[in-house]
């Protein structure tokens, strides 16, 4: 019966997310057991990579569709590692169920203003620690600042603002800070929260007349880690509520850490009061990692999963994905999952079959490369001249080509952002940062644009 239900589930989600996702992830997973008494579904993944990926990206989807097939309104999903012994599995499962029951019992106890204890507030991912964060030139400042905050919360870099495009590791650093603080002081109340979730909670608090409880939850923490803070800027009342929470925590010398995909001064819709407060402490960023760092990330992730990946395979995977670390990890997981399912050794042939693209030679910064040479290669594909790219014309199509040229110049050269801005008609630092962030986001989201960038990169590297 259980296997038939899982087959039906795969058929349903194949229509929703596509057969490729099902073939890559879900066919490697099995429904081991359905505990109808506790309404818990136990899934088994072939390795830690598939387990973590499913847990991070697809649990709500599983709860919704599998719950409908099992005819339950609420269910828990526990994903087991197939490599772990049955004894260890039972012990970890028992601990997880006990923790969830304690959380439910705590939430059911009533008071005038309910403030959850530190353990139920934290929501910290125990796997995201400083030891598993791969440091390179692209993120060394953000890493150093995060370490300093974890050692002396409330006194060093308060608030700390980490800016980067999606998938480059800012969420990892937020959780690492939380884990580091809890390690130094287990009694600290640490709260990690996504900003969109904060907005949702605030709206619900208004509708249910529980604004006092909402404020108490956030104002009684020792450390607030707010992810994707740009979502705060969507509503005035939400900003007002967060403004008061920020002031309360800051005045009490509590540590506040933000992450966002935009610098505070460039965040649309953000009021001046919050913007100035975000800039009170340290603002640091994370750039796209170079090839050597991406290879190190591949090797580190494989090592954590107790898998062996040869240097040439790691370099191939790292060369195939040059934007988001999340995409890089996803590529590694797909390769390892395919090798596990087909019972083959991980090789370049396997990686080529899974990733379906040829590795791109890494482009290393050069101080002597002519900037006009890069623009010339970009303009070959578009009806614009170098003079137009440097002009004040801000038309949408021209701006895209200009951003692409800025992106490639930053990648191919060691020019500073100020020098790049000066080259493009005297544009300021913030404009160049915005162009880089926008193009990095576009490249990460579009396979066709990735291929185009790779083609231009190869042309620039080959041409004199």
Foldseek 3Di string as FASTA:
>chain_A
DQQVLLVVLLVVVCVVPNPVCCVLAVVQKGFPDADPVQQETEMEHAFVLSQVVCVVPPQVVCQVSSCVSVVHDGHHYHYHYPVDDPVVVVVVVVVVVVVVVVVVVLVPDDDPARADAQVVAAPADPVLALVLDQDDPQCPVVSVQLVVCLVPPLPAFAAEEEAAFPFACPSSSLSNSVVSNCVVPVRARHHEEEQVVLVVVCVVCVVVVNVVNSLCHLLPGQEYEYEANLVQLPDDVSLVSVLVSSVSNNVVSGYYYYYHHAQLVPRPNHDPSVSVNNVPGYYYYGAFDFLVSQLVSLCSVCVVRVHDDDSVLSSFLSQLDGFHSVVSSVLSSSLVSVCSVVVHHRDNVSSCVRSVDGGFDTAAADAPDDLLLLLVLLCVVDVDDPVLLLDPDDDPVSLLSNLLSLQVNVRHHVDDLQVSCVSSPNHDSSVSVVSNSVVSNVCVVDPVVVVVSSVSVVVSVPDD
